[in-house]
Amino acid sequence: MCIRIKSWSAKHLFFAGRLTLVSSVLMALQNYWAQIMILPKSIFKVVNGICRSFLWKGTTDSSVPGKVAWNTVCKSKKEGGLGLTNLRMWNIATMGKHDYSPKSDDSWYWRAICQIKDLMKQHITENQLMAISKYSIKKAYLKLMGPAPVQYRTTAVWGRLGQPKHRFIIWLALLGRLNTKDRLMKICVTTDNTCLLCGIAIEDHKHLFSGCPFSERCWHQIGLWLGIRCTRNLPELVNWLHKRSVTKFRKEVIYAVVMCTVYHIWKERNNALWNGQVCKVDKWASPLEKLGCKVAC
């Protein structure tokens, strides 16, 4: 795993690219071994640490906490997570397919495998386990993870028309986990929490994406083009769009535009931080309108 990550680290991948590699490569390696043997808890701790470090920092040994708790990251996308696998629960689900009564002279390892059913009953009831007529690892895993409320904002975040990097940024923005100045000030990274785009108010998620004069101009221009009023803060806007009665395709186009707008506001904020420059709204809004018109047609 570490050798693979070192080769990837040189490519300066964005969050969305690292997420794809964690899900399709690093997690897949552990899923294979999880179907063969009972893995110790120490292995899960090390593997989760490596995956977490690569996802947030692009390295294998970062001790900096992630932006979002790992338990949240391992939730399904419908439940507000990133859809990564909870390796511990997956290991239990894969080993639970063995339903045998071990003999007294069997090895301790085989007895441990056969007792996985008892371990599963700590997380799900026996009736739920019996309800799975033909044992399915996926169904058992979902039962072990337990039910969770579906988040309305997931439709906006994971729409099929959105770009991966836009999806990741709006996911963090809706959770309030971007490194805005108010958050950086709380962990003593900076002593100044003034907004970089307007220089007036405190830079938090609500101000940056809805209250800042720069973001207000962005939403006003995008709202005129889409024919909607974007005067709400970001969570309220996503909730309003979710309830709006329009065709599915039009709603996905609007979601894609909202994701792109949030991404560019955050991009301009970072441009102001590192380069001391802020582009005009028309410079990125006009190409966005042209692209949206092509998609809508």
Protein backbone atom coordinates (compact mmCIF):
# COMPACT_ATOMS: atom_id res chain seq x y z
CA MET A 1 0.00 0.00 0.00
CA CYS A 2 2.72 2.45 0.99
CA ILE A 3 4.70 1.77 -2.21
CA ARG A 4 1.63 2.49 -4.33
CA ILE A 5 0.90 5.70 -2.43
CA LYS A 6 4.48 6.95 -2.87
CA SER A 7 4.11 6.59 -6.64
CA TRP A 8 0.76 8.41 -6.55
CA SER A 9 1.98 11.22 -4.28
CA ALA A 10 4.25 12.56 -7.02
CA LYS A 11 1.23 13.21 -9.27
CA HIS A 12 -0.29 15.91 -7.00
CA LEU A 13 -3.78 14.43 -7.15
CA PHE A 14 -6.85 16.37 -6.06
CA PHE A 15 -9.17 15.10 -3.30
CA ALA A 16 -11.53 13.43 -5.78
CA GLY A 17 -8.67 11.57 -7.47
CA ARG A 18 -7.31 10.33 -4.15
CA LEU A 19 -10.80 9.23 -3.11
CA THR A 20 -11.08 7.11 -6.27
CA LEU A 21 -7.73 5.44 -5.59
CA VAL A 22 -8.58 4.76 -1.94
CA SER A 23 -11.94 3.23 -2.88
CA SER A 24 -10.91 1.22 -5.94
CA VAL A 25 -7.36 0.16 -5.03
CA LEU A 26 -6.45 0.44 -1.34
CA MET A 27 -9.82 -0.70 0.00
CA ALA A 28 -10.04 -3.44 -2.63
CA LEU A 29 -6.75 -4.94 -1.41
CA GLN A 30 -8.05 -5.18 2.15
CA ASN A 31 -11.46 -6.46 1.03
CA TYR A 32 -9.71 -9.43 -0.58
CA TRP A 33 -7.82 -10.40 2.57
CA ALA A 34 -10.92 -9.76 4.69
CA GLN A 35 -12.68 -12.60 2.87
CA ILE A 36 -9.91 -15.08 3.68
CA MET A 37 -9.08 -14.58 7.35
CA ILE A 38 -10.08 -12.78 10.51
CA LEU A 39 -7.95 -9.66 10.62
CA PRO A 40 -6.75 -8.22 13.96
CA LYS A 41 -8.07 -4.84 15.09
CA SER A 42 -4.53 -3.45 14.91
CA ILE A 43 -4.52 -4.13 11.15
CA PHE A 44 -7.72 -2.14 10.67
CA LYS A 45 -6.27 0.72 12.68
CA VAL A 46 -3.10 0.85 10.56
CA VAL A 47 -4.92 0.49 7.23
CA ASN A 48 -7.54 3.11 8.12
CA GLY A 49 -4.73 5.44 9.18
CA ILE A 50 -2.91 5.00 5.86
CA CYS A 51 -6.11 5.52 3.84
CA ARG A 52 -7.11 8.55 5.90
CA SER A 53 -3.64 10.08 5.57
CA PHE A 54 -3.58 9.60 1.79
CA LEU A 55 -7.12 10.91 1.31
CA TRP A 56 -6.58 14.17 3.19
CA LYS A 57 -2.84 14.81 2.81
CA GLY A 58 -1.63 12.63 -0.07
CA THR A 59 0.97 10.84 2.09
CA THR A 60 1.14 7.62 4.11
CA ASP A 61 2.17 8.91 7.52
CA SER A 62 0.42 12.20 8.23
CA SER A 63 -0.69 12.62 11.85
CA VAL A 64 -2.96 15.58 11.05
CA PRO A 65 -6.65 14.79 11.74
CA GLY A 66 -8.93 14.51 8.72
CA LYS A 67 -11.46 17.16 7.83
CA VAL A 68 -14.33 14.71 8.44
CA ALA A 69 -14.56 11.84 10.94
CA TRP A 70 -13.67 8.47 9.41
CA ASN A 71 -16.96 6.93 10.56
CA THR A 72 -18.80 9.58 8.52
CA VAL A 73 -16.55 9.01 5.51
CA CYS A 74 -17.40 5.27 5.62
CA LYS A 75 -21.15 5.93 5.43
CA SER A 76 -22.89 5.48 2.10
CA LYS A 77 -23.30 8.50 -0.16
CA LYS A 78 -27.06 8.49 0.47
CA GLU A 79 -26.35 8.87 4.18
CA GLY A 80 -23.95 11.79 3.74
CA GLY A 81 -20.63 9.90 3.53
CA LEU A 82 -18.20 9.05 0.75
CA GLY A 83 -19.15 5.39 0.40
CA LEU A 84 -15.86 3.91 1.62
CA THR A 85 -15.90 0.47 3.24
CA ASN A 86 -15.85 -0.03 6.99
CA LEU A 87 -13.17 -2.72 6.97
CA ARG A 88 -14.00 -4.12 10.40
CA MET A 89 -17.69 -4.64 9.55
CA TRP A 90 -16.81 -6.00 6.11
CA ASN A 91 -14.49 -8.58 7.68
CA ILE A 92 -17.27 -9.71 10.03
CA ALA A 93 -19.77 -9.90 7.15
CA THR A 94 -17.44 -11.95 4.94
CA MET A 95 -16.53 -14.38 7.72
CA GLY A 96 -20.18 -14.72 8.71
CA LYS A 97 -20.83 -16.91 5.67
CA HIS A 98 -19.32 -19.85 7.59
CA ASP A 99 -22.19 -21.42 9.54
CA TYR A 100 -20.72 -24.53 11.09
CA SER A 101 -20.55 -26.02 14.57
CA PRO A 102 -16.86 -26.61 15.34
CA LYS A 103 -15.71 -29.79 16.99
CA SER A 104 -13.79 -29.80 20.24
CA ASP A 105 -10.59 -30.94 18.53
CA ASP A 106 -10.75 -28.34 15.76
CA SER A 107 -8.08 -25.62 15.60
CA TRP A 108 -8.62 -22.41 17.54
CA TYR A 109 -8.70 -20.44 14.27
CA TRP A 110 -11.51 -22.51 12.76
CA ARG A 111 -13.46 -22.23 16.00
CA ALA A 112 -12.98 -18.46 15.89
CA ILE A 113 -14.32 -18.33 12.32
CA CYS A 114 -17.37 -20.39 13.24
CA GLN A 115 -18.09 -18.09 16.18
CA ILE A 116 -18.37 -15.02 13.94
CA LYS A 117 -22.15 -15.50 13.91
CA ASP A 118 -22.16 -14.80 17.65
CA LEU A 119 -20.14 -11.64 17.02
CA MET A 120 -22.64 -10.54 14.36
CA LYS A 121 -25.48 -10.88 16.86
CA GLN A 122 -23.88 -8.08 18.87
CA HIS A 123 -24.70 -5.72 16.00
CA ILE A 124 -27.89 -7.20 14.50
CA THR A 125 -30.68 -9.31 15.94
CA GLU A 126 -31.06 -13.00 15.19
CA ASN A 127 -34.36 -12.31 13.39
CA GLN A 128 -32.60 -9.87 11.03
CA LEU A 129 -29.91 -12.42 10.39
CA MET A 130 -32.44 -15.16 9.66
CA ALA A 131 -34.31 -12.81 7.31
CA ILE A 132 -31.41 -13.13 4.85
CA SER A 133 -32.65 -16.30 3.12
CA LYS A 134 -29.54 -16.78 0.99
CA TYR A 135 -26.49 -15.37 2.70
CA SER A 136 -25.19 -12.28 0.97
CA ILE A 137 -22.06 -10.49 2.16
CA LYS A 138 -23.39 -7.15 0.93
CA LYS A 139 -26.74 -7.56 2.69
CA ALA A 140 -25.05 -8.68 5.90
CA TYR A 141 -22.68 -5.71 5.72
CA LEU A 142 -25.55 -3.26 5.29
CA LYS A 143 -27.33 -4.86 8.26
CA LEU A 144 -24.18 -4.52 10.36
CA MET A 145 -23.79 -0.85 9.42
CA GLY A 146 -27.36 -0.24 10.56
CA PRO A 147 -30.00 2.11 9.16
CA ALA A 148 -29.25 5.80 8.82
CA PRO A 149 -31.41 8.69 7.59
CA VAL A 150 -31.04 9.59 3.92
CA GLN A 151 -29.65 13.11 3.45
CA TYR A 152 -31.53 15.31 0.96
CA ARG A 153 -28.28 17.04 0.02
CA THR A 154 -26.78 13.84 -1.41
CA THR A 155 -28.85 14.33 -4.58
CA ALA A 156 -27.09 17.64 -5.12
CA VAL A 157 -23.63 16.38 -4.24
CA TRP A 158 -23.58 13.18 -6.26
CA GLY A 159 -25.57 14.22 -9.33
CA ARG A 160 -24.34 12.57 -12.52
CA LEU A 161 -23.59 15.89 -14.29
CA GLY A 162 -21.23 17.24 -11.64
CA GLN A 163 -17.46 17.01 -11.92
CA PRO A 164 -15.74 14.95 -9.18
CA LYS A 165 -13.71 17.89 -7.84
CA HIS A 166 -16.88 20.02 -7.65
CA ARG A 167 -18.72 17.24 -5.79
CA PHE A 168 -15.99 16.89 -3.19
CA ILE A 169 -15.80 20.63 -2.44
CA ILE A 170 -19.56 21.09 -2.07
CA TRP A 171 -19.68 17.97 0.15
CA LEU A 172 -17.14 19.59 2.47
CA ALA A 173 -18.93 22.96 2.24
CA LEU A 174 -22.30 21.47 3.23
CA LEU A 175 -20.65 19.74 6.19
CA GLY A 176 -18.88 22.98 7.16
CA ARG A 177 -15.44 21.36 6.94
CA LEU A 178 -13.54 23.60 4.53
CA ASN A 179 -10.55 25.44 6.01
CA THR A 180 -12.19 28.84 6.28
CA LYS A 181 -10.44 31.48 8.37
CA ASP A 182 -12.77 31.11 11.35
CA ARG A 183 -11.89 27.39 11.57
CA LEU A 184 -8.17 28.08 11.11
CA MET A 185 -8.31 30.68 13.87
CA LYS A 186 -9.81 28.13 16.30
CA ILE A 187 -6.80 25.84 15.86
CA CYS A 188 -4.34 28.76 16.12
CA VAL A 189 -3.18 28.61 12.48
CA THR A 190 -3.99 32.28 11.90
CA THR A 191 -4.81 35.33 14.00
CA ASP A 192 -6.86 37.04 11.29
CA ASN A 193 -10.36 35.79 10.46
CA THR A 194 -11.34 38.53 8.02
CA CYS A 195 -12.81 37.44 4.68
CA LEU A 196 -10.22 37.45 1.90
CA LEU A 197 -12.74 38.35 -0.80
CA CYS A 198 -14.36 41.40 0.80
CA GLY A 199 -12.15 42.28 3.79
CA ILE A 200 -15.18 43.21 5.88
CA ALA A 201 -16.79 40.32 7.77
CA ILE A 202 -15.59 37.14 9.46
CA GLU A 203 -14.87 34.40 6.94
CA ASP A 204 -17.06 31.41 7.79
CA HIS A 205 -19.00 29.07 5.53
CA LYS A 206 -22.23 31.06 5.70
CA HIS A 207 -20.56 34.36 4.86
CA LEU A 208 -18.20 32.98 2.20
CA PHE A 209 -20.86 31.20 0.14
CA SER A 210 -23.85 33.52 0.62
CA GLY A 211 -23.13 36.73 2.58
CA CYS A 212 -19.94 37.97 0.93
CA PRO A 213 -20.47 40.68 -1.75
CA PHE A 214 -18.38 38.64 -4.19
CA SER A 215 -20.47 35.48 -3.71
CA GLU A 216 -23.68 37.55 -3.86
CA ARG A 217 -22.65 38.83 -7.31
CA CYS A 218 -21.87 35.27 -8.37
CA TRP A 219 -25.24 33.90 -7.24
CA HIS A 220 -27.09 36.89 -8.71
CA GLN A 221 -25.60 36.33 -12.16
CA ILE A 222 -26.11 32.57 -12.03
CA GLY A 223 -29.66 33.07 -10.70
CA LEU A 224 -30.57 35.36 -13.61
CA TRP A 225 -29.32 32.76 -16.05
CA LEU A 226 -31.13 29.86 -14.36
CA GLY A 227 -34.28 31.82 -13.63
CA ILE A 228 -34.16 31.22 -9.86
CA ARG A 229 -33.46 33.33 -6.79
CA CYS A 230 -30.22 32.35 -5.07
CA THR A 231 -30.63 34.53 -1.98
CA ARG A 232 -30.47 31.69 0.57
CA ASN A 233 -27.42 30.26 2.27
CA LEU A 234 -25.99 27.10 0.73
CA PRO A 235 -27.81 24.39 2.79
CA GLU A 236 -31.13 26.24 2.41
CA LEU A 237 -30.57 26.64 -1.34
CA VAL A 238 -29.88 22.90 -1.77
CA ASN A 239 -32.94 22.05 0.33
CA TRP A 240 -35.12 24.42 -1.73
CA LEU A 241 -33.86 22.96 -5.00
CA HIS A 242 -34.50 19.45 -3.67
CA LYS A 243 -38.17 20.30 -3.07
CA ARG A 244 -38.61 22.25 -6.30
CA SER A 245 -40.97 20.68 -8.83
CA VAL A 246 -39.00 20.57 -12.10
CA THR A 247 -37.92 17.81 -14.46
CA LYS A 248 -35.18 15.50 -13.21
CA PHE A 249 -32.75 16.55 -15.93
CA ARG A 250 -33.27 20.27 -15.33
CA LYS A 251 -32.75 19.74 -11.61
CA GLU A 252 -29.49 17.89 -12.28
CA VAL A 253 -28.32 20.76 -14.52
CA ILE A 254 -29.09 23.26 -11.73
CA TYR A 255 -27.28 21.09 -9.20
CA ALA A 256 -24.24 20.92 -11.49
CA VAL A 257 -24.21 24.72 -11.83
CA VAL A 258 -24.53 25.18 -8.06
CA MET A 259 -21.63 22.77 -7.48
CA CYS A 260 -19.51 24.61 -10.05
CA THR A 261 -20.33 27.98 -8.47
CA VAL A 262 -19.37 26.80 -4.98
CA TYR A 263 -16.14 25.36 -6.36
CA HIS A 264 -15.17 28.62 -8.10
CA ILE A 265 -16.00 30.76 -5.07
CA TRP A 266 -13.68 28.55 -3.01
CA LYS A 267 -11.09 28.66 -5.79
CA GLU A 268 -11.15 32.47 -5.90
CA ARG A 269 -10.86 32.58 -2.11
CA ASN A 270 -7.69 30.46 -2.34
CA ASN A 271 -6.46 32.59 -5.23
CA ALA A 272 -6.83 35.65 -3.01
CA LEU A 273 -4.98 33.87 -0.20
CA TRP A 274 -1.97 32.63 -2.16
CA ASN A 275 -1.71 35.08 -5.08
CA GLY A 276 -3.50 38.18 -3.79
CA GLN A 277 -5.78 38.20 -6.85
CA VAL A 278 -9.52 37.81 -7.39
CA CYS A 279 -10.93 37.23 -10.89
CA LYS A 280 -14.04 39.02 -12.05
CA VAL A 281 -17.30 37.10 -11.88
CA ASP A 282 -17.84 37.36 -15.65
CA LYS A 283 -14.51 35.64 -16.35
CA TRP A 284 -15.70 32.23 -15.09
CA ALA A 285 -19.49 32.71 -15.18
CA SER A 286 -19.69 33.25 -18.95
CA PRO A 287 -17.95 29.96 -19.88
CA LEU A 288 -20.16 28.23 -17.32
CA GLU A 289 -23.30 29.57 -19.01
CA LYS A 290 -22.07 28.42 -22.42
CA LEU A 291 -21.29 24.96 -21.08
CA GLY A 292 -24.69 24.77 -19.35
CA CYS A 293 -26.49 25.74 -22.55
CA LYS A 294 -24.72 22.92 -24.40
CA VAL A 295 -25.69 20.41 -21.71
CA ALA A 296 -29.30 21.62 -21.58
CA CYS A 297 -29.62 21.30 -25.34
